[in-house]
């Protein structure tokens, strides 16, 4: 893989992931159904990966590009 900006082969692949956090709607429904303990329903699915992005970064010029 070559950098499109400086034509260097000194590049690294990076992965950026976005994870799901606390869900307010699940917590609210849990509160209505189960009381205060139901707030924990908002944590269901926490740390589930929403999206993952792969990109390359040139170590010489710092350009960020996709393959």
PDB file of N, CA and C in Angstrom:
ATOM      1  N   UNK A   1       0.857  -1.170   0.000  1.00  0.00           N
ATOM      2  CA  UNK A   1       0.000   0.000   0.000  1.00  0.00           C
ATOM      3  C   UNK A   1       0.904   1.234   0.000  1.00  0.00           C
ATOM      4  N   UNK A   2       0.583   2.181  -0.865  1.00  0.00           N
ATOM      5  CA  UNK A   2       1.349   3.423  -0.956  1.00  0.00           C
ATOM      6  C   UNK A   2       0.471   4.606  -0.582  1.00  0.00           C
ATOM      7  N   UNK A   3       1.094   5.591   0.010  1.00  0.00           N
ATOM      8  CA  UNK A   3       0.394   6.834   0.345  1.00  0.00           C
ATOM      9  C   UNK A   3       0.096   7.594  -0.954  1.00  0.00           C
ATOM     10  N   UNK A   4      -1.150   8.023  -1.162  1.00  0.00           N
ATOM     11  CA  UNK A   4      -1.467   8.758  -2.386  1.00  0.00           C
ATOM     12  C   UNK A   4      -0.879  10.170  -2.421  1.00  0.00           C
ATOM     13  N   UNK A   5      -0.482  10.676  -1.258  1.00  0.00           N
ATOM     14  CA  UNK A   5       0.037  12.043  -1.199  1.00  0.00           C
ATOM     15  C   UNK A   5       1.544  12.102  -1.452  1.00  0.00           C
ATOM     16  N   UNK A   6       2.310  11.255  -0.733  1.00  0.00           N
ATOM     17  CA  UNK A   6       3.772  11.336  -0.857  1.00  0.00           C
ATOM     18  C   UNK A   6       4.393  10.087  -1.480  1.00  0.00           C
ATOM     19  N   UNK A   7       3.586   9.090  -1.844  1.00  0.00           N
ATOM     20  CA  UNK A   7       4.035   7.849  -2.469  1.00  0.00           C
ATOM     21  C   UNK A   7       4.925   6.990  -1.571  1.00  0.00           C
ATOM     22  N   UNK A   8       4.905   7.219  -0.269  1.00  0.00           N
ATOM     23  CA  UNK A   8       5.692   6.423   0.666  1.00  0.00           C
ATOM     24  C   UNK A   8       4.981   5.099   0.943  1.00  0.00           C
ATOM     25  N   UNK A   9       5.775   4.070   1.209  1.00  0.00           N
ATOM     26  CA  UNK A   9       5.209   2.776   1.586  1.00  0.00           C
ATOM     27  C   UNK A   9       5.218   2.578   3.103  1.00  0.00           C
ATOM     28  N   UNK A  10       5.593   3.601   3.837  1.00  0.00           N
ATOM     29  CA  UNK A  10       5.652   3.557   5.295  1.00  0.00           C
ATOM     30  C   UNK A  10       4.273   3.944   5.858  1.00  0.00           C
ATOM     31  N   UNK A  11       3.305   3.021   5.759  1.00  0.00           N
ATOM     32  CA  UNK A  11       1.931   3.287   6.193  1.00  0.00           C
ATOM     33  C   UNK A  11       1.483   2.217   7.193  1.00  0.00           C
ATOM     34  N   UNK A  12       0.507   2.572   8.014  1.00  0.00           N
ATOM     35  CA  UNK A  12      -0.060   1.646   8.994  1.00  0.00           C
ATOM     36  C   UNK A  12      -1.569   1.638   8.866  1.00  0.00           C
ATOM     37  N   UNK A  13      -2.164   0.466   9.134  1.00  0.00           N
ATOM     38  CA  UNK A  13      -3.611   0.349   9.118  1.00  0.00           C
ATOM     39  C   UNK A  13      -4.128   0.643  10.531  1.00  0.00           C
ATOM     40  N   UNK A  14      -5.249   1.356  10.610  1.00  0.00           N
ATOM     41  CA  UNK A  14      -5.886   1.686  11.886  1.00  0.00           C
ATOM     42  C   UNK A  14      -7.349   1.281  11.823  1.00  0.00           C
ATOM     43  N   UNK A  15      -7.871   0.855  12.954  1.00  0.00           N
ATOM     44  CA  UNK A  15      -9.284   0.507  13.069  1.00  0.00           C
ATOM     45  C   UNK A  15      -9.913   1.401  14.122  1.00  0.00           C
ATOM     46  N   UNK A  16     -11.031   1.989  13.790  1.00  0.00           N
ATOM     47  CA  UNK A  16     -11.760   2.846  14.720  1.00  0.00           C
ATOM     48  C   UNK A  16     -13.138   2.216  14.931  1.00  0.00           C
ATOM     49  N   UNK A  17     -13.454   1.877  16.173  1.00  0.00           N
ATOM     50  CA  UNK A  17     -14.736   1.245  16.466  1.00  0.00           C
ATOM     51  C   UNK A  17     -15.587   2.159  17.328  1.00  0.00           C
ATOM     52  N   UNK A  18     -16.864   2.110  17.086  1.00  0.00           N
ATOM     53  CA  UNK A  18     -17.819   2.869  17.882  1.00  0.00           C
ATOM     54  C   UNK A  18     -18.702   1.856  18.603  1.00  0.00           C
ATOM     55  N   UNK A  19     -18.764   1.971  19.936  1.00  0.00           N
ATOM     56  CA  UNK A  19     -19.543   1.029  20.726  1.00  0.00           C
ATOM     57  C   UNK A  19     -20.799   1.698  21.263  1.00  0.00           C
ATOM     58  N   UNK A  20     -21.800   0.877  21.462  1.00  0.00           N
ATOM     59  CA  UNK A  20     -23.068   1.357  21.991  1.00  0.00           C
ATOM     60  C   UNK A  20     -22.938   1.540  23.505  1.00  0.00           C
ATOM     61  N   UNK A  21     -23.553   2.579  24.041  1.00  0.00           N
ATOM     62  CA  UNK A  21     -23.530   2.837  25.463  1.00  0.00           C
ATOM     63  C   UNK A  21     -24.874   2.560  26.109  1.00  0.00           C
ATOM     64  N   UNK A  22     -25.179   3.289  27.152  1.00  0.00           N
ATOM     65  CA  UNK A  22     -26.442   3.134  27.872  1.00  0.00           C
ATOM     66  C   UNK A  22     -27.593   3.606  26.994  1.00  0.00           C
ATOM     67  N   UNK A  23     -28.665   2.820  26.943  1.00  0.00           N
ATOM     68  CA  UNK A  23     -29.840   3.167  26.159  1.00  0.00           C
ATOM     69  C   UNK A  23     -30.906   3.740  27.093  1.00  0.00           C
ATOM     70  N   UNK A  24     -31.203   5.023  26.924  1.00  0.00           N
ATOM     71  CA  UNK A  24     -32.201   5.682  27.767  1.00  0.00           C
ATOM     72  C   UNK A  24     -33.595   5.122  27.569  1.00  0.00           C
ATOM     73  N   UNK A  25     -33.942   4.766  26.331  1.00  0.00           N
ATOM     74  CA  UNK A  25     -35.284   4.236  26.076  1.00  0.00           C
ATOM     75  C   UNK A  25     -35.469   2.860  26.714  1.00  0.00           C
ATOM     76  N   UNK A  26     -34.445   2.013  26.665  1.00  0.00           N
ATOM     77  CA  UNK A  26     -34.539   0.702  27.315  1.00  0.00           C
ATOM     78  C   UNK A  26     -34.609   0.868  28.835  1.00  0.00           C
ATOM     79  N   UNK A  27     -33.839   1.816  29.351  1.00  0.00           N
ATOM     80  CA  UNK A  27     -33.856   2.075  30.794  1.00  0.00           C
ATOM     81  C   UNK A  27     -35.205   2.593  31.256  1.00  0.00           C
ATOM     82  N   UNK A  28     -35.827   3.473  30.465  1.00  0.00           N
ATOM     83  CA  UNK A  28     -37.142   4.026  30.805  1.00  0.00           C
ATOM     84  C   UNK A  28     -38.209   2.934  30.788  1.00  0.00           C
ATOM     85  N   UNK A  29     -38.195   2.101  29.756  1.00  0.00           N
ATOM     86  CA  UNK A  29     -39.162   0.998  29.687  1.00  0.00           C
ATOM     87  C   UNK A  29     -38.946   0.029  30.845  1.00  0.00           C
ATOM     88  N   UNK A  30     -37.706  -0.243  31.161  1.00  0.00           N
ATOM     89  CA  UNK A  30     -37.395  -1.122  32.299  1.00  0.00           C
ATOM     90  C   UNK A  30     -37.891  -0.538  33.607  1.00  0.00           C
ATOM     91  N   UNK A  31     -37.761   0.790  33.779  1.00  0.00           N
ATOM     92  CA  UNK A  31     -38.249   1.471  34.981  1.00  0.00           C
ATOM     93  C   UNK A  31     -39.766   1.301  35.101  1.00  0.00           C
ATOM     94  N   UNK A  32     -40.462   1.483  33.987  1.00  0.00           N
ATOM     95  CA  UNK A  32     -41.924   1.360  34.003  1.00  0.00           C
ATOM     96  C   UNK A  32     -42.376  -0.071  34.299  1.00  0.00           C
ATOM     97  N   UNK A  33     -41.663  -1.044  33.785  1.00  0.00           N
ATOM     98  CA  UNK A  33     -42.066  -2.435  33.969  1.00  0.00           C
ATOM     99  C   UNK A  33     -41.598  -3.040  35.291  1.00  0.00           C
ATOM    100  N   UNK A  34     -40.378  -2.720  35.696  1.00  0.00           N
ATOM    101  CA  UNK A  34     -39.768  -3.405  36.837  1.00  0.00           C
ATOM    102  C   UNK A  34     -39.357  -2.493  37.990  1.00  0.00           C
ATOM    103  N   UNK A  35     -39.613  -1.211  37.887  1.00  0.00           N
ATOM    104  CA  UNK A  35     -39.226  -0.283  38.951  1.00  0.00           C
ATOM    105  C   UNK A  35     -37.759   0.100  38.825  1.00  0.00           C
ATOM    106  N   UNK A  36     -37.146   0.533  39.937  1.00  0.00           N
ATOM    107  CA  UNK A  36     -35.756   1.025  39.897  1.00  0.00           C
ATOM    108  C   UNK A  36     -34.751   0.004  39.356  1.00  0.00           C
ATOM    109  N   UNK A  37     -34.966  -1.258  39.625  1.00  0.00           N
ATOM    110  CA  UNK A  37     -34.053  -2.289  39.112  1.00  0.00           C
ATOM    111  C   UNK A  37     -34.121  -2.339  37.579  1.00  0.00           C
ATOM    112  N   UNK A  38     -35.239  -1.943  37.014  1.00  0.00           N
ATOM    113  CA  UNK A  38     -35.424  -1.962  35.562  1.00  0.00           C
ATOM    114  C   UNK A  38     -34.514  -1.011  34.820  1.00  0.00           C
ATOM    115  N   UNK A  39     -33.929  -0.038  35.525  1.00  0.00           N
ATOM    116  CA  UNK A  39     -32.974   0.865  34.872  1.00  0.00           C
ATOM    117  C   UNK A  39     -31.788   0.097  34.286  1.00  0.00           C
ATOM    118  N   UNK A  40     -31.497  -1.046  34.866  1.00  0.00           N
ATOM    119  CA  UNK A  40     -30.392  -1.870  34.360  1.00  0.00           C
ATOM    120  C   UNK A  40     -30.679  -2.413  32.969  1.00  0.00           C
ATOM    121  N   UNK A  41     -31.950  -2.394  32.562  1.00  0.00           N
ATOM    122  CA  UNK A  41     -32.288  -2.821  31.199  1.00  0.00           C
ATOM    123  C   UNK A  41     -31.612  -1.922  30.167  1.00  0.00           C
ATOM    124  N   UNK A  42     -31.313  -0.699  30.543  1.00  0.00           N
ATOM    125  CA  UNK A  42     -30.631   0.223  29.639  1.00  0.00           C
ATOM    126  C   UNK A  42     -29.212  -0.194  29.320  1.00  0.00           C
ATOM    127  N   UNK A  43     -28.665  -1.085  30.143  1.00  0.00           N
ATOM    128  CA  UNK A  43     -27.305  -1.568  29.907  1.00  0.00           C
ATOM    129  C   UNK A  43     -27.271  -2.770  28.971  1.00  0.00           C
ATOM    130  N   UNK A  44     -28.430  -3.327  28.626  1.00  0.00           N
ATOM    131  CA  UNK A  44     -28.482  -4.465  27.706  1.00  0.00           C
ATOM    132  C   UNK A  44     -27.912  -4.045  26.350  1.00  0.00           C
ATOM    133  N   UNK A  45     -26.963  -4.777  25.865  1.00  0.00           N
ATOM    134  CA  UNK A  45     -26.344  -4.461  24.587  1.00  0.00           C
ATOM    135  C   UNK A  45     -25.213  -3.461  24.698  1.00  0.00           C
ATOM    136  N   UNK A  46     -24.850  -3.067  25.912  1.00  0.00           N
ATOM    137  CA  UNK A  46     -23.735  -2.135  26.090  1.00  0.00           C
ATOM    138  C   UNK A  46     -22.457  -2.795  25.569  1.00  0.00           C
ATOM    139  N   UNK A  47     -21.598  -2.038  25.002  1.00  0.00           N
ATOM    140  CA  UNK A  47     -20.329  -2.471  24.407  1.00  0.00           C
ATOM    141  C   UNK A  47     -20.521  -3.270  23.123  1.00  0.00           C
ATOM    142  N   UNK A  48     -21.719  -3.293  22.587  1.00  0.00           N
ATOM    143  CA  UNK A  48     -21.952  -3.909  21.286  1.00  0.00           C
ATOM    144  C   UNK A  48     -21.373  -2.958  20.230  1.00  0.00           C
ATOM    145  N   UNK A  49     -20.644  -3.489  19.278  1.00  0.00           N
ATOM    146  CA  UNK A  49     -19.996  -2.676  18.254  1.00  0.00           C
ATOM    147  C   UNK A  49     -21.043  -2.162  17.276  1.00  0.00           C
ATOM    148  N   UNK A  50     -21.151  -0.825  17.178  1.00  0.00           N
ATOM    149  CA  UNK A  50     -22.083  -0.206  16.235  1.00  0.00           C
ATOM    150  C   UNK A  50     -21.487  -0.141  14.840  1.00  0.00           C
ATOM    151  N   UNK A  51     -20.239   0.306  14.763  1.00  0.00           N
ATOM    152  CA  UNK A  51     -19.586   0.416  13.459  1.00  0.00           C
ATOM    153  C   UNK A  51     -18.078   0.291  13.633  1.00  0.00           C
ATOM    154  N   UNK A  52     -17.438  -0.155  12.583  1.00  0.00           N
ATOM    155  CA  UNK A  52     -15.989  -0.276  12.586  1.00  0.00           C
ATOM    156  C   UNK A  52     -15.469   0.301  11.273  1.00  0.00           C
ATOM    157  N   UNK A  53     -14.475   1.156  11.379  1.00  0.00           N
ATOM    158  CA  UNK A  53     -13.927   1.837  10.203  1.00  0.00           C
ATOM    159  C   UNK A  53     -12.440   1.497  10.082  1.00  0.00           C
ATOM    160  N   UNK A  54     -12.036   1.108   8.888  1.00  0.00           N
ATOM    161  CA  UNK A  54     -10.631   0.779   8.613  1.00  0.00           C
ATOM    162  C   UNK A  54     -10.055   1.870   7.721  1.00  0.00           C
ATOM    163  N   UNK A  55      -8.911   2.403   8.112  1.00  0.00           N
ATOM    164  CA  UNK A  55      -8.236   3.402   7.293  1.00  0.00           C
ATOM    165  C   UNK A  55      -6.730   3.280   7.470  1.00  0.00           C
ATOM    166  N   UNK A  56      -6.008   3.906   6.571  1.00  0.00           N
ATOM    167  CA  UNK A  56      -4.551   3.872   6.569  1.00  0.00           C
ATOM    168  C   UNK A  56      -4.014   5.247   6.932  1.00  0.00           C
ATOM    169  N   UNK A  57      -2.861   5.268   7.612  1.00  0.00           N
ATOM    170  CA  UNK A  57      -2.197   6.521   7.981  1.00  0.00           C
ATOM    171  C   UNK A  57      -0.735   6.426   7.551  1.00  0.00           C
ATOM    172  N   UNK A  58      -0.294   7.453   6.847  1.00  0.00           N
ATOM    173  CA  UNK A  58       1.098   7.516   6.407  1.00  0.00           C
ATOM    174  C   UNK A  58       1.968   7.997   7.570  1.00  0.00           C
ATOM    175  N   UNK A  59       3.041   7.267   7.839  1.00  0.00           N
ATOM    176  CA  UNK A  59       3.949   7.642   8.928  1.00  0.00           C
ATOM    177  C   UNK A  59       4.875   8.795   8.539  1.00  0.00           C
ATOM    178  N   UNK A  60       5.009   9.083   7.257  1.00  0.00           N
ATOM    179  CA  UNK A  60       5.881  10.174   6.817  1.00  0.00           C
ATOM    180  C   UNK A  60       5.172  11.524   6.805  1.00  0.00           C
ATOM    181  N   UNK A  61       4.007  11.590   6.133  1.00  0.00           N
ATOM    182  CA  UNK A  61       3.337  12.886   5.977  1.00  0.00           C
ATOM    183  C   UNK A  61       2.071  13.011   6.830  1.00  0.00           C
ATOM    184  N   UNK A  62       1.604  11.914   7.423  1.00  0.00           N
ATOM    185  CA  UNK A  62       0.426  11.968   8.289  1.00  0.00           C
ATOM    186  C   UNK A  62      -0.909  11.936   7.570  1.00  0.00           C
ATOM    187  N   UNK A  63      -0.897  11.650   6.284  1.00  0.00           N
ATOM    188  CA  UNK A  63      -2.144  11.615   5.519  1.00  0.00           C
ATOM    189  C   UNK A  63      -2.992  10.417   5.946  1.00  0.00           C
ATOM    190  N   UNK A  64      -4.291  10.609   5.997  1.00  0.00           N
ATOM    191  CA  UNK A  64      -5.246   9.556   6.333  1.00  0.00           C
ATOM    192  C   UNK A  64      -6.002   9.227   5.062  1.00  0.00           C
ATOM    193  N   UNK A  65      -6.048   7.946   4.679  1.00  0.00           N
ATOM    194  CA  UNK A  65      -6.740   7.567   3.453  1.00  0.00           C
ATOM    195  C   UNK A  65      -7.349   6.180   3.601  1.00  0.00           C
ATOM    196  N   UNK A  66      -8.267   5.884   2.718  1.00  0.00           N
ATOM    197  CA  UNK A  66      -8.991   4.613   2.717  1.00  0.00           C
ATOM    198  C   UNK A  66      -8.570   3.812   1.497  1.00  0.00           C
ATOM    199  N   UNK A  67      -8.661   2.481   1.597  1.00  0.00           N
ATOM    200  CA  UNK A  67      -8.281   1.656   0.445  1.00  0.00           C
ATOM    201  C   UNK A  67      -9.446   1.371  -0.456  1.00  0.00           C
TER     202      UNK A  67
END
